[in-house]
């Protein structure tokens, strides 16, 4: 399934990249660093601004159909046109919290490796 981009986000204000590294610091001042995965993964934060109930329902129903953060989906980054396999970052949200994130603070999607 593909994340519903109708409406398109008013702003993709977060596009962070996260690396899975383990860094151990020793008392001598030395450190040992190991990468647990090749490359980094993105976290997208999408804010849509004010939406009517029908459009919020579309995104909410997509969230419910994915069982929160259980099932991955395709998200197409609107700034680059690149498709990413993602999952919702939050496992549990009330409808009110979901609406607040969608319209005000940003709905977070985590890129995943299948």
Protein backbone atom coordinates (compact mmCIF):
# COMPACT_ATOMS: atom_id res chain seq x y z
CA UNK A 1 0.00 0.00 0.00
CA UNK A 2 1.00 3.59 -0.63
CA UNK A 3 0.59 6.40 1.90
CA UNK A 4 -2.35 8.59 0.82
CA UNK A 5 -0.97 11.92 -0.37
CA UNK A 6 -4.29 13.51 -1.11
CA UNK A 7 -4.01 15.98 0.36
CA UNK A 8 -0.31 16.53 -0.01
CA UNK A 9 1.45 17.57 3.18
CA UNK A 10 1.66 21.33 3.55
CA UNK A 11 5.15 20.81 4.84
CA UNK A 12 7.57 17.95 5.26
CA UNK A 13 9.34 19.80 8.01
CA UNK A 14 11.38 16.93 9.31
CA UNK A 15 13.54 14.70 7.20
CA UNK A 16 16.10 13.32 9.61
CA UNK A 17 18.51 10.51 8.96
CA UNK A 18 19.35 8.04 11.70
CA UNK A 19 22.32 5.73 11.88
CA UNK A 20 22.37 2.58 14.00
CA UNK A 21 25.84 2.77 15.51
CA UNK A 22 27.20 1.44 18.76
CA UNK A 23 29.97 3.54 20.29
CA UNK A 24 31.90 2.34 23.33
CA UNK A 25 34.14 4.81 25.17
CA UNK A 26 36.96 3.48 27.31
CA UNK A 27 38.50 5.06 30.37
CA UNK A 28 41.72 5.60 28.42
CA UNK A 29 39.92 8.03 26.12
CA UNK A 30 39.83 5.60 23.22
CA UNK A 31 36.58 4.59 21.61
CA UNK A 32 35.33 1.73 19.52
CA UNK A 33 32.56 2.31 16.97
CA UNK A 34 30.58 -0.29 15.07
CA UNK A 35 27.83 0.28 12.53
CA UNK A 36 24.94 -2.12 13.01
CA UNK A 37 23.53 -1.41 9.55
CA UNK A 38 24.87 -0.09 6.28
CA UNK A 39 23.63 3.43 5.68
CA UNK A 40 21.08 5.47 7.57
CA UNK A 41 17.32 5.43 7.70
CA UNK A 42 15.06 8.45 7.35
CA UNK A 43 12.39 9.75 9.71
CA UNK A 44 9.80 11.93 8.04
CA UNK A 45 7.57 14.33 9.92
CA UNK A 46 4.54 15.41 7.88
CA UNK A 47 2.32 18.34 8.78
CA UNK A 48 -0.76 18.86 6.64
CA UNK A 49 -2.24 21.99 8.22
CA UNK A 50 -6.02 22.34 8.64
CA UNK A 51 -7.97 19.54 6.95
CA UNK A 52 -11.64 18.72 6.63
CA UNK A 53 -12.99 15.61 8.39
CA UNK A 54 -13.03 13.51 5.20
CA UNK A 55 -9.32 14.03 4.55
CA UNK A 56 -8.38 13.32 8.15
CA UNK A 57 -10.52 10.15 7.96
CA UNK A 58 -8.54 9.01 4.89
CA UNK A 59 -5.23 9.24 6.73
CA UNK A 60 -6.70 7.88 10.00
CA UNK A 61 -8.20 4.86 8.21
CA UNK A 62 -4.83 4.20 6.56
CA UNK A 63 -3.21 4.28 10.04
CA UNK A 64 -5.85 1.85 11.39
CA UNK A 65 -5.45 -0.47 8.37
CA UNK A 66 -1.69 -0.62 9.07
CA UNK A 67 -2.41 -1.51 12.75
CA UNK A 68 -0.49 1.54 13.90
CA UNK A 69 3.20 0.93 13.35
CA UNK A 70 2.88 -2.79 12.51
CA UNK A 71 2.61 -2.91 8.72
CA UNK A 72 4.96 -1.01 6.40
CA UNK A 73 3.87 0.99 3.37
CA UNK A 74 5.37 3.09 0.60
CA UNK A 75 5.85 6.80 1.22
CA UNK A 76 6.99 9.01 -1.66
CA UNK A 77 9.09 11.92 -0.39
CA UNK A 78 7.52 15.00 -1.96
CA UNK A 79 10.80 16.92 -1.93
CA UNK A 80 12.85 14.33 -3.83
CA UNK A 81 10.26 12.05 -5.47
CA UNK A 82 12.02 9.07 -3.88
CA UNK A 83 9.94 6.14 -2.63
CA UNK A 84 10.74 4.82 0.87
CA UNK A 85 9.39 1.81 2.75
CA UNK A 86 8.06 3.29 6.00
CA UNK A 87 5.92 2.55 9.03
CA UNK A 88 4.19 4.93 11.40
CA UNK A 89 6.49 5.83 14.30
CA UNK A 90 3.69 5.66 16.88
CA UNK A 91 2.11 2.34 17.84
CA UNK A 92 -0.83 3.87 19.70
CA UNK A 93 -2.65 7.18 19.34
CA UNK A 94 -6.08 8.49 20.16
CA UNK A 95 -8.01 10.02 17.30
CA UNK A 96 -7.54 13.44 18.89
CA UNK A 97 -3.76 12.99 19.18
CA UNK A 98 -3.65 11.76 15.59
CA UNK A 99 -5.52 14.85 14.34
CA UNK A 100 -3.21 17.12 16.36
CA UNK A 101 -0.13 15.50 14.82
CA UNK A 102 -1.52 15.60 11.28
CA UNK A 103 -2.52 19.25 11.47
CA UNK A 104 -0.14 20.82 13.97
CA UNK A 105 2.98 19.02 15.13
CA UNK A 106 3.70 16.45 12.44
CA UNK A 107 2.89 12.79 11.82
CA UNK A 108 6.11 10.78 12.00
CA UNK A 109 7.03 8.00 9.60
CA UNK A 110 10.11 5.81 10.08
CA UNK A 111 11.89 4.25 7.12
CA UNK A 112 12.25 0.51 7.64
CA UNK A 113 14.32 -2.31 6.17
CA UNK A 114 12.37 -5.38 5.09
